[in-house]
Amino acid sequence: MRKWVVLLLVLILVLASGTIMFSAKFVSSTATIPKIGACYYPWYTGNWERDHSNTVDTPVLGKYNSSDVNVIRQHLSWFKELKIDFLIISWWGTDSLSDINTKILFDEVKKNPVVNLCILIESYPTTGDYDYAKIYNYIHDTYVAPFPEEYMNLEGKPLIMFYNDQSLTKDGNVSEIRIDNRFAVRVTGQRNYVDWLYWWIPECEWSEEHSRFGSDGQISIVPRYEDEHFRPYNSTSGAGYPPAYDHDYTQGLYDEQWQTAINSAKEGKVKIVTIATWNEYAERTQIEPTNDTTSFTSSPYYLYERTRMYIDIMRSTETEPAPFPMTWVAAVAVSVAVAEACLLVYFIKRKKQITKT
């Protein structure tokens, strides 16, 4: 009889400890899993020597055409593997190359819905004021209405973004961008009055005006920025940008920014992570598998694999158990287990007394 009682008590304690661990995981953490996006550029023609001579790196897929559905399908396969939630599509006006290729991209995502998509209005050339009503109507009729499941929503509305540039806002004033209530409208760029940061790079004089976080709990991550091969920096006039930070990926910029994002997500500060970029080759910010001309490693998958690792780490923060003291749910579980054990002992003793009597 005594062995049976001991075994039963052990079983109760095991169940109670399991309940404690489950309860601690369930209510313990303030961490949220951010939405993770990447900036995507659909402007490649396939003739890079003629149309993209400002590039020095080559994709693993070759110097591709952005309209090639096989390229798009491979990209979608990579996005699924990375667990990326959405793409920010660079759009340069009605009937532009990017517009044509974006339609193909939306069609492919409809067939294989591994990511959501939203449109970023770039500061494309115009002879006069931007026709904001025309832009909103075109994006709504072309991309939102036909693709309600594929288009990304923010705060219950389709997200549309504007890249902040002098040609778009004239005086650099965000308030000049007219709002359409059908959309959640955000402005991105490299100035301190934008909503979402395009990038933030430490130790660069031209990024001092940035804060690390944008609105909506957004944080930007960039592996490198370098365009001096076609837009040299002039320290006297200030034209162009200073030489790249983390030219060969040995300074750890990408790792540093991901660690900041992960730690901030654990504190509940980060809701959106935007990677700049998937495939902007002229500015060398791409994380797409690439034959990189200056990287310290010969692996074209270096940034891709690190991205996958960091996204996995970030997504795992949701299930981290809480440190003690226990939550009230765990405390209740302990109380129930102890009460059950006490009652069991009481009834066993009571049974013995009755038997003796």
Protein backbone atom coordinates (compact mmCIF):
# COMPACT_ATOMS: atom_id res chain seq x y z
CA MET A 1 0.00 0.00 0.00
CA ARG A 2 2.81 2.41 0.91
CA LYS A 3 4.55 1.93 -2.49
CA TRP A 4 1.28 2.66 -4.28
CA VAL A 5 0.85 5.89 -2.31
CA VAL A 6 4.42 7.00 -3.03
CA LEU A 7 4.04 6.33 -6.74
CA LEU A 8 0.76 8.24 -6.85
CA LEU A 9 2.28 11.23 -5.06
CA VAL A 10 5.22 11.22 -7.49
CA LEU A 11 2.80 11.15 -10.44
CA ILE A 12 0.86 14.10 -9.02
CA LEU A 13 4.07 16.10 -8.54
CA VAL A 14 5.23 15.32 -12.09
CA LEU A 15 1.91 16.47 -13.51
CA ALA A 16 2.05 19.58 -11.37
CA SER A 17 5.59 20.44 -12.51
CA GLY A 18 4.53 19.96 -16.13
CA THR A 19 1.60 22.27 -15.54
CA ILE A 20 3.94 24.82 -14.00
CA MET A 21 6.28 24.73 -16.98
CA PHE A 22 3.40 24.96 -19.47
CA SER A 23 1.78 27.78 -17.53
CA ALA A 24 5.04 29.70 -17.27
CA LYS A 25 5.54 29.45 -21.02
CA PHE A 26 1.96 30.40 -21.78
CA VAL A 27 1.80 33.63 -19.81
CA SER A 28 5.42 34.38 -19.12
CA SER A 29 6.76 36.45 -21.91
CA THR A 30 6.05 39.96 -23.13
CA ALA A 31 7.82 39.07 -26.37
CA THR A 32 5.90 39.31 -29.61
CA ILE A 33 6.87 37.82 -32.92
CA PRO A 34 7.41 40.72 -35.33
CA LYS A 35 6.34 40.70 -38.94
CA ILE A 36 9.45 40.37 -41.08
CA GLY A 37 9.64 41.99 -44.50
CA ALA A 38 12.20 42.69 -47.19
CA CYS A 39 12.51 45.41 -49.84
CA TYR A 40 12.18 43.88 -53.31
CA TYR A 41 13.20 45.35 -56.68
CA PRO A 42 11.50 44.07 -59.85
CA TRP A 43 13.39 46.26 -62.31
CA TYR A 44 16.03 43.90 -63.77
CA THR A 45 15.94 43.48 -67.54
CA GLY A 46 18.24 40.52 -68.06
CA ASN A 47 20.75 42.69 -69.92
CA TRP A 48 22.77 43.85 -66.94
CA GLU A 49 25.76 44.98 -68.99
CA ARG A 50 23.58 47.53 -70.76
CA ASP A 51 20.94 48.41 -68.17
CA HIS A 52 22.58 47.67 -64.82
CA SER A 53 26.23 48.48 -65.40
CA ASN A 54 26.35 50.03 -61.92
CA THR A 55 26.41 46.56 -60.33
CA VAL A 56 29.50 44.63 -59.30
CA ASP A 57 27.98 41.47 -57.80
CA THR A 58 26.13 38.66 -59.56
CA PRO A 59 23.12 36.70 -58.25
CA VAL A 60 23.41 32.94 -57.95
CA LEU A 61 20.51 32.84 -60.42
CA GLY A 62 22.59 34.81 -62.92
CA LYS A 63 21.90 38.26 -64.31
CA TYR A 64 18.21 37.60 -64.40
CA ASN A 65 15.12 39.25 -65.83
CA SER A 66 12.60 40.20 -63.12
CA SER A 67 9.74 39.08 -65.37
CA ASP A 68 11.08 35.51 -65.47
CA VAL A 69 8.56 33.39 -63.56
CA ASN A 70 11.24 30.79 -62.81
CA VAL A 71 13.29 33.46 -61.04
CA ILE A 72 10.21 34.64 -59.14
CA ARG A 73 9.33 31.09 -58.13
CA GLN A 74 12.84 30.50 -56.81
CA HIS A 75 12.62 33.75 -54.86
CA LEU A 76 9.31 32.64 -53.37
CA SER A 77 10.86 29.32 -52.42
CA TRP A 78 13.65 31.16 -50.60
CA PHE A 79 11.17 33.47 -48.86
CA LYS A 80 9.23 30.45 -47.64
CA GLU A 81 12.42 28.89 -46.31
CA LEU A 82 13.41 32.14 -44.58
CA LYS A 83 9.87 32.57 -43.16
CA ILE A 84 9.62 36.12 -44.49
CA ASP A 85 6.12 37.55 -44.07
CA PHE A 86 5.95 40.32 -46.67
CA LEU A 87 7.76 42.15 -49.47
CA ILE A 88 7.90 45.90 -50.04
CA ILE A 89 7.81 46.26 -53.82
CA SER A 90 9.63 49.18 -55.44
CA TRP A 91 7.16 50.75 -57.90
CA TRP A 92 8.10 53.46 -60.39
CA GLY A 93 4.83 54.55 -61.97
CA THR A 94 2.04 53.27 -64.19
CA ASP A 95 3.20 51.08 -67.10
CA SER A 96 6.83 51.25 -65.95
CA LEU A 97 8.99 48.13 -66.07
CA SER A 98 8.52 47.69 -62.33
CA ASP A 99 4.75 47.99 -62.75
CA ILE A 100 4.68 45.32 -65.46
CA ASN A 101 6.85 42.95 -63.44
CA THR A 102 4.96 43.61 -60.21
CA LYS A 103 1.80 42.34 -61.89
CA ILE A 104 3.61 39.11 -62.75
CA LEU A 105 4.85 38.85 -59.17
CA PHE A 106 1.34 39.26 -57.75
CA ASP A 107 0.04 36.56 -60.10
CA GLU A 108 2.75 34.16 -58.93
CA VAL A 109 2.12 34.88 -55.27
CA LYS A 110 -1.58 34.20 -55.81
CA LYS A 111 -0.60 30.73 -57.06
CA ASN A 112 1.90 30.23 -54.26
CA PRO A 113 0.89 32.46 -51.31
CA VAL A 114 4.04 32.31 -49.20
CA VAL A 115 4.32 36.10 -48.61
CA ASN A 116 2.15 39.19 -48.64
CA LEU A 117 3.02 42.14 -50.87
CA CYS A 118 2.72 45.90 -50.57
CA ILE A 119 3.68 48.77 -52.86
CA LEU A 120 6.37 51.36 -52.25
CA ILE A 121 5.89 54.46 -54.44
CA GLU A 122 9.34 55.57 -55.50
CA SER A 123 10.18 59.14 -56.41
CA TYR A 124 9.81 58.51 -60.11
CA PRO A 125 10.29 61.47 -62.50
CA THR A 126 7.35 63.75 -63.11
CA THR A 127 6.91 67.01 -64.99
CA GLY A 128 4.58 68.46 -62.36
CA ASP A 129 2.93 67.70 -59.05
CA TYR A 130 2.28 64.10 -58.19
CA ASP A 131 -1.28 63.06 -58.90
CA TYR A 132 -1.89 61.32 -55.60
CA ALA A 133 -5.52 60.48 -56.36
CA LYS A 134 -4.43 58.73 -59.55
CA ILE A 135 -1.71 56.82 -57.71
CA TYR A 136 -4.06 55.63 -54.97
CA ASN A 137 -6.76 54.61 -57.41
CA TYR A 138 -4.33 52.73 -59.64
CA ILE A 139 -2.75 50.79 -56.75
CA HIS A 140 -6.17 49.98 -55.33
CA ASP A 141 -7.68 48.84 -58.64
CA THR A 142 -4.59 47.00 -59.91
CA TYR A 143 -3.17 45.38 -56.79
CA VAL A 144 -5.48 45.64 -53.79
CA ALA A 145 -8.93 44.79 -55.17
CA PRO A 146 -7.82 41.84 -57.36
CA PHE A 147 -5.49 40.45 -54.66
CA PRO A 148 -7.23 40.89 -51.29
CA GLU A 149 -5.49 37.86 -49.75
CA GLU A 150 -2.06 38.62 -51.19
CA TYR A 151 -1.88 42.33 -50.41
CA MET A 152 -0.44 43.21 -47.00
CA ASN A 153 -2.63 44.93 -44.42
CA LEU A 154 -1.51 47.17 -41.58
CA GLU A 155 -4.02 48.14 -38.91
CA GLY A 156 -6.78 46.57 -41.00
CA LYS A 157 -6.01 48.54 -44.17
CA PRO A 158 -3.83 47.82 -47.24
CA LEU A 159 -0.38 49.31 -46.71
CA ILE A 160 0.96 51.78 -49.24
CA MET A 161 4.34 53.41 -48.79
CA PHE A 162 6.08 56.44 -50.24
CA TYR A 163 9.82 56.84 -50.53
CA ASN A 164 10.62 60.27 -49.21
CA ASP A 165 12.58 62.28 -51.72
CA GLN A 166 12.79 65.90 -52.79
CA SER A 167 11.08 65.14 -56.09
CA LEU A 168 8.20 63.50 -54.25
CA THR A 169 7.68 66.02 -51.46
CA LYS A 170 9.40 69.10 -52.93
CA ASP A 171 10.33 70.75 -49.65
CA GLY A 172 10.96 67.47 -47.87
CA ASN A 173 7.79 67.78 -45.83
CA VAL A 174 5.89 64.57 -45.15
CA SER A 175 2.66 66.51 -44.74
CA GLU A 176 2.74 67.24 -48.48
CA ILE A 177 1.89 63.60 -49.16
CA ARG A 178 -1.88 63.41 -49.33
CA ILE A 179 -3.59 60.67 -47.37
CA ASP A 180 -6.23 58.30 -48.72
CA ASN A 181 -8.33 56.74 -45.99
CA ARG A 182 -8.64 53.47 -47.89
CA PHE A 183 -4.97 52.82 -47.09
CA ALA A 184 -2.57 52.70 -44.20
CA VAL A 185 -0.02 55.22 -45.52
CA ARG A 186 3.60 55.22 -44.39
CA VAL A 187 6.64 57.17 -45.57
CA THR A 188 10.07 55.55 -45.67
CA GLY A 189 13.50 56.95 -46.39
CA GLN A 190 16.67 58.19 -44.74
CA ARG A 191 15.55 61.37 -43.01
CA ASN A 192 14.48 61.81 -39.44
CA TYR A 193 10.86 62.71 -40.26
CA VAL A 194 9.97 59.45 -42.02
CA ASP A 195 7.61 56.83 -40.56
CA TRP A 196 9.61 53.72 -41.39
CA LEU A 197 13.39 53.81 -41.63
CA TYR A 198 14.87 52.49 -44.83
CA TRP A 199 18.13 51.80 -43.06
CA TRP A 200 20.14 52.85 -40.05
CA ILE A 201 23.90 52.39 -40.14
CA PRO A 202 26.04 53.32 -37.11
CA GLU A 203 29.33 55.19 -37.45
CA CYS A 204 28.27 56.92 -40.68
CA GLU A 205 28.01 60.69 -40.54
CA TRP A 206 25.07 60.74 -42.93
CA SER A 207 23.00 58.51 -40.65
CA GLU A 208 23.39 60.45 -37.41
CA GLU A 209 19.93 61.97 -37.78
CA HIS A 210 18.26 58.56 -37.64
CA SER A 211 16.77 56.99 -34.61
CA ARG A 212 17.03 53.21 -34.38
CA PHE A 213 13.25 52.67 -34.48
CA GLY A 214 10.55 53.92 -36.81
CA SER A 215 6.83 54.17 -36.12
CA ASP A 216 4.69 51.03 -35.57
CA GLY A 217 7.63 49.48 -33.71
CA GLN A 218 9.54 49.14 -37.01
CA ILE A 219 13.26 48.50 -37.16
CA SER A 220 15.44 48.38 -40.26
CA ILE A 221 18.30 45.97 -40.91
CA VAL A 222 20.89 46.43 -43.66
CA PRO A 223 24.01 44.36 -44.33
CA ARG A 224 25.98 47.11 -46.09
CA TYR A 225 25.55 50.20 -48.23
CA GLU A 226 28.03 50.93 -50.99
CA ASP A 227 27.57 52.82 -54.22
CA GLU A 228 30.90 54.62 -54.63
CA HIS A 229 31.67 52.45 -57.64
CA PHE A 230 29.19 54.56 -59.62
CA ARG A 231 28.52 57.55 -57.36
CA PRO A 232 31.88 58.48 -55.76
CA TYR A 233 31.88 60.33 -52.47
CA ASN A 234 33.29 63.88 -52.52
CA SER A 235 34.24 64.90 -48.99
CA THR A 236 34.53 68.55 -50.04
CA SER A 237 31.15 68.96 -51.70
CA GLY A 238 29.41 66.24 -49.71
CA ALA A 239 28.12 64.58 -52.88
CA GLY A 240 27.52 60.86 -52.77
CA TYR A 241 27.97 58.77 -49.63
CA PRO A 242 31.05 57.92 -47.54
CA PRO A 243 32.81 54.60 -48.18
CA ALA A 244 30.86 51.54 -47.16
CA TYR A 245 30.60 50.35 -43.60
CA ASP A 246 31.36 46.62 -43.46
CA HIS A 247 32.72 46.42 -46.99
CA ASP A 248 33.60 42.71 -46.67
CA TYR A 249 31.21 41.71 -43.84
CA THR A 250 34.00 41.37 -41.27
CA GLN A 251 32.80 44.23 -39.03
CA GLY A 252 29.61 42.45 -38.05
CA LEU A 253 27.08 45.14 -38.99
CA TYR A 254 24.39 42.64 -40.00
CA ASP A 255 24.85 40.57 -36.84
CA GLU A 256 24.80 43.67 -34.65
CA GLN A 257 21.55 44.92 -36.13
CA TRP A 258 19.84 41.54 -35.90
CA GLN A 259 20.89 41.19 -32.27
CA THR A 260 19.45 44.61 -31.50
CA ALA A 261 16.19 43.62 -33.20
CA ILE A 262 16.01 40.28 -31.36
CA ASN A 263 16.72 41.80 -27.94
CA SER A 264 14.21 44.58 -28.55
CA ALA A 265 11.60 42.04 -29.70
CA LYS A 266 12.05 40.17 -26.41
CA GLU A 267 11.20 43.42 -24.63
CA GLY A 268 8.10 43.86 -26.78
CA LYS A 269 9.47 46.94 -28.56
CA VAL A 270 9.66 45.57 -32.12
CA LYS A 271 6.60 44.75 -34.21
CA ILE A 272 8.01 45.03 -37.74
CA VAL A 273 11.45 44.20 -39.12
CA THR A 274 12.32 45.38 -42.64
CA ILE A 275 15.41 44.05 -44.36
CA ALA A 276 16.99 46.49 -46.80
CA THR A 277 17.25 44.73 -49.15
CA TRP A 278 16.58 41.45 -50.94
CA ASN A 279 18.04 42.46 -54.30
CA GLU A 280 19.17 46.10 -54.64
CA TYR A 281 22.46 45.37 -56.39
CA ALA A 282 23.48 48.90 -57.37
CA GLU A 283 23.72 49.92 -53.71
CA ARG A 284 25.03 46.49 -52.65
CA THR A 285 22.46 45.98 -49.90
CA GLN A 286 21.28 42.61 -51.22
CA ILE A 287 20.93 39.47 -49.10
CA GLU A 288 19.84 37.32 -52.04
CA PRO A 289 22.32 34.46 -52.64
CA THR A 290 25.05 36.29 -54.51
CA ASN A 291 28.56 35.95 -55.82
CA ASP A 292 29.90 38.92 -53.86
CA THR A 293 33.09 40.54 -55.13
CA THR A 294 34.37 41.79 -51.76
CA SER A 295 32.95 39.38 -49.16
CA PHE A 296 35.45 37.65 -46.88
CA THR A 297 33.76 34.33 -47.65
CA SER A 298 33.39 32.59 -50.97
CA SER A 299 29.95 31.27 -50.03
CA PRO A 300 27.20 33.05 -51.99
CA TYR A 301 24.72 31.97 -49.29
CA TYR A 302 26.47 33.67 -46.37
CA LEU A 303 23.91 36.45 -45.74
CA TYR A 304 21.01 34.23 -46.71
CA GLU A 305 21.95 31.61 -44.11
CA ARG A 306 22.57 34.20 -41.42
CA THR A 307 19.19 35.73 -42.17
CA ARG A 308 17.51 32.36 -41.77
CA MET A 309 19.33 31.78 -38.49
CA TYR A 310 18.32 35.15 -37.04
CA ILE A 311 14.71 34.87 -38.15
CA ASP A 312 14.51 31.45 -36.48
CA ILE A 313 15.95 32.93 -33.28
CA MET A 314 13.50 35.82 -33.38
CA ARG A 315 10.53 33.54 -33.94
CA SER A 316 11.58 31.31 -31.04
CA THR A 317 11.37 34.16 -28.51
CA GLU A 318 7.62 33.58 -28.12
CA THR A 319 8.10 30.27 -26.35
CA GLU A 320 10.83 31.29 -23.91
CA PRO A 321 9.81 30.37 -20.35
CA ALA A 322 9.49 33.18 -17.86
CA PRO A 323 11.99 33.61 -15.06
CA PHE A 324 10.70 33.06 -11.52
CA PRO A 325 8.78 34.29 -9.54
CA MET A 326 6.05 32.08 -10.95
CA THR A 327 3.02 33.56 -12.61
CA TRP A 328 -0.34 33.32 -10.93
CA VAL A 329 -1.32 30.49 -13.30
CA ALA A 330 1.67 28.42 -12.19
CA ALA A 331 0.91 29.23 -8.56
CA VAL A 332 -2.64 27.96 -8.96
CA ALA A 333 -1.30 24.75 -10.52
CA VAL A 334 0.98 24.17 -7.51
CA SER A 335 -1.85 24.86 -5.09
CA VAL A 336 -4.12 22.36 -6.84
CA ALA A 337 -1.41 19.69 -6.83
CA VAL A 338 -0.66 20.19 -3.13
CA ALA A 339 -4.37 20.12 -2.28
CA GLU A 340 -4.80 16.87 -4.21
CA ALA A 341 -1.87 15.31 -2.37
CA CYS A 342 -3.20 16.39 1.04
CA LEU A 343 -6.64 15.02 0.28
CA LEU A 344 -5.15 11.73 -0.86
CA VAL A 345 -3.13 11.35 2.33
CA TYR A 346 -6.21 12.24 4.41
CA PHE A 347 -8.41 9.63 2.74
CA ILE A 348 -5.73 6.94 3.03
CA LYS A 349 -5.36 7.61 6.77
CA ARG A 350 -9.11 7.70 7.16
CA LYS A 351 -9.41 4.34 5.41
CA LYS A 352 -6.83 2.82 7.75
CA GLN A 353 -8.71 4.13 10.80
CA ILE A 354 -11.99 2.66 9.54
CA THR A 355 -10.30 -0.68 8.79
CA LYS A 356 -8.82 -0.88 12.30
CA THR A 357 -12.18 -0.02 13.84
